[in-house]
Protein backbone atom coordinates (compact mmCIF):
# COMPACT_ATOMS: atom_id res chain seq x y z
CA MET A 1 -7.81 0.56 -7.67
CA GLN A 2 -9.43 3.98 -7.42
CA ASP A 3 -10.98 2.94 -4.09
CA LEU A 4 -7.53 2.02 -2.80
CA LYS A 5 -6.13 5.36 -3.94
CA ASN A 6 -9.00 7.22 -2.24
CA MET A 7 -8.35 5.26 0.92
CA LEU A 8 -4.63 6.08 0.90
CA GLU A 9 -5.34 9.77 0.26
CA GLN A 10 -6.81 9.88 3.79
CA LEU A 11 -3.16 10.10 4.91
CA ASN A 12 -3.06 13.62 3.41
CA ILE A 13 0.18 12.92 1.58
CA PRO A 14 0.85 12.48 -2.16
CA VAL A 15 -0.30 9.06 -3.45
CA VAL A 16 0.29 7.53 -6.88
CA TYR A 17 0.08 4.18 -8.64
CA ASP A 18 3.52 2.63 -9.31
CA HIS A 19 5.73 5.73 -9.48
CA PHE A 20 5.90 9.51 -9.63
CA ASN A 21 7.02 11.10 -12.91
CA THR A 22 8.89 13.82 -11.06
CA SER A 23 10.94 13.97 -7.88
CA THR A 24 8.70 14.00 -4.80
CA ASN A 25 9.73 14.83 -1.26
CA PRO A 26 8.63 12.50 1.52
CA PRO A 27 6.25 11.68 3.00
CA PHE A 28 4.41 10.00 0.12
CA ALA A 29 2.87 6.63 -0.74
CA VAL A 30 3.07 4.43 -3.82
CA TYR A 31 0.87 1.41 -4.53
CA ARG A 32 0.79 -1.26 -7.23
CA ARG A 33 -0.80 -4.62 -7.82
CA ASP A 34 1.66 -7.42 -7.25
CA SER A 35 -0.35 -10.56 -7.91
CA THR A 36 -3.68 -12.30 -7.42
CA SER A 37 -4.69 -15.06 -5.00
CA ASN A 38 -8.00 -15.90 -6.59
CA PHE A 39 -10.30 -18.55 -5.16
CA GLY A 40 -11.55 -20.97 -7.77
CA ALA A 41 -14.58 -23.20 -7.98
CA ASP A 42 -16.12 -25.12 -10.88
CA ASN A 43 -13.25 -24.15 -13.21
CA LYS A 44 -13.74 -20.41 -12.81
CA VAL A 45 -12.72 -17.60 -10.50
CA TYR A 46 -15.21 -17.58 -7.66
CA LYS A 47 -13.61 -14.78 -5.62
CA LYS A 48 -11.07 -12.38 -7.06
CA ILE A 49 -8.35 -11.41 -4.60
CA ASN A 50 -5.80 -8.75 -5.60
CA ASN A 51 -2.53 -8.39 -3.71
CA TYR A 52 -0.99 -4.93 -3.64
CA TYR A 53 2.21 -3.44 -2.37
CA VAL A 54 1.73 -0.16 -0.54
CA GLU A 55 5.03 1.64 -0.01
CA LEU A 56 5.20 4.42 2.56
CA TYR A 57 8.17 6.77 2.26
CA THR A 58 9.16 9.20 5.02
CA GLU A 59 12.18 11.30 5.86
CA PHE A 60 12.61 9.44 9.15
CA LYS A 61 10.91 6.45 10.79
CA ASN A 62 7.36 7.71 11.38
CA PRO A 63 5.39 5.35 13.67
CA ALA A 64 2.43 7.76 13.84
CA LEU A 65 1.95 7.78 10.05
CA GLU A 66 2.38 3.99 9.93
CA GLU A 67 -0.26 3.60 12.63
CA GLN A 68 -2.59 5.92 10.72
CA LEU A 69 -2.15 3.79 7.57
CA GLU A 70 -2.73 0.57 9.51
CA SER A 71 -5.88 2.09 11.06
CA ILE A 72 -7.17 2.86 7.55
CA PHE A 73 -6.55 -0.76 6.55
CA ASN A 74 -8.28 -2.03 9.68
CA ALA A 75 -11.28 0.27 9.25
CA SER A 76 -11.65 -0.98 5.68
CA GLU A 77 -11.20 -4.60 6.78
CA ILE A 78 -8.11 -5.03 4.63
CA PHE A 79 -5.62 -7.67 5.73
CA TYR A 80 -2.03 -6.41 5.73
CA GLU A 81 1.48 -7.58 6.48
CA ILE A 82 4.63 -5.48 6.72
CA GLU A 83 6.80 -6.93 3.98
CA SER A 84 9.91 -4.93 4.90
CA GLU A 85 11.17 -1.67 6.27
CA THR A 86 14.49 -0.07 5.54
CA TYR A 87 16.38 3.19 5.29
CA ILE A 88 17.39 3.94 1.70
CA ASP A 89 20.70 5.70 2.13
CA THR A 90 21.02 6.86 -1.48
CA GLU A 91 17.56 8.48 -1.37
CA GLN A 92 17.82 9.61 2.27
CA MET A 93 14.38 8.29 3.14
CA TYR A 94 12.76 5.54 5.12
CA GLU A 95 10.60 2.93 3.35
CA VAL A 96 7.94 0.66 4.85
CA ILE A 97 6.38 -1.83 2.44
CA TYR A 98 2.96 -3.31 3.21
CA LEU A 99 1.48 -6.27 1.39
CA ILE A 100 -2.32 -6.06 1.39
CA SER A 101 -5.02 -8.32 -0.01
CA ILE A 102 -8.33 -6.97 -1.30
CA VAL A 103 -11.24 -9.26 -2.04
CA GLU A 104 -13.48 -7.97 -4.82
CA GLU A 105 -17.18 -8.26 -4.07
């Protein structure tokens, strides 16, 4: 997970696992492990695959920052899907949620 955090810090915005303990102004990113999609063979885990949510929060829709994040994923050969994107009216910020899969070597 530290490698993922280091990767996300290339965005030059605050990054934290799961949640911030204090109020944070956008832009910022939050990541957390959602599940695993392990590959099994011979009754054991042959390849460990962790699925993470990466949530990008911005004041307004920010295609440039999204593209920068996607470029980081591509450069690291991390498969991603955009799970959802929405404006959170109560928080007055835009949220884009990526689902990524990381294969442990």
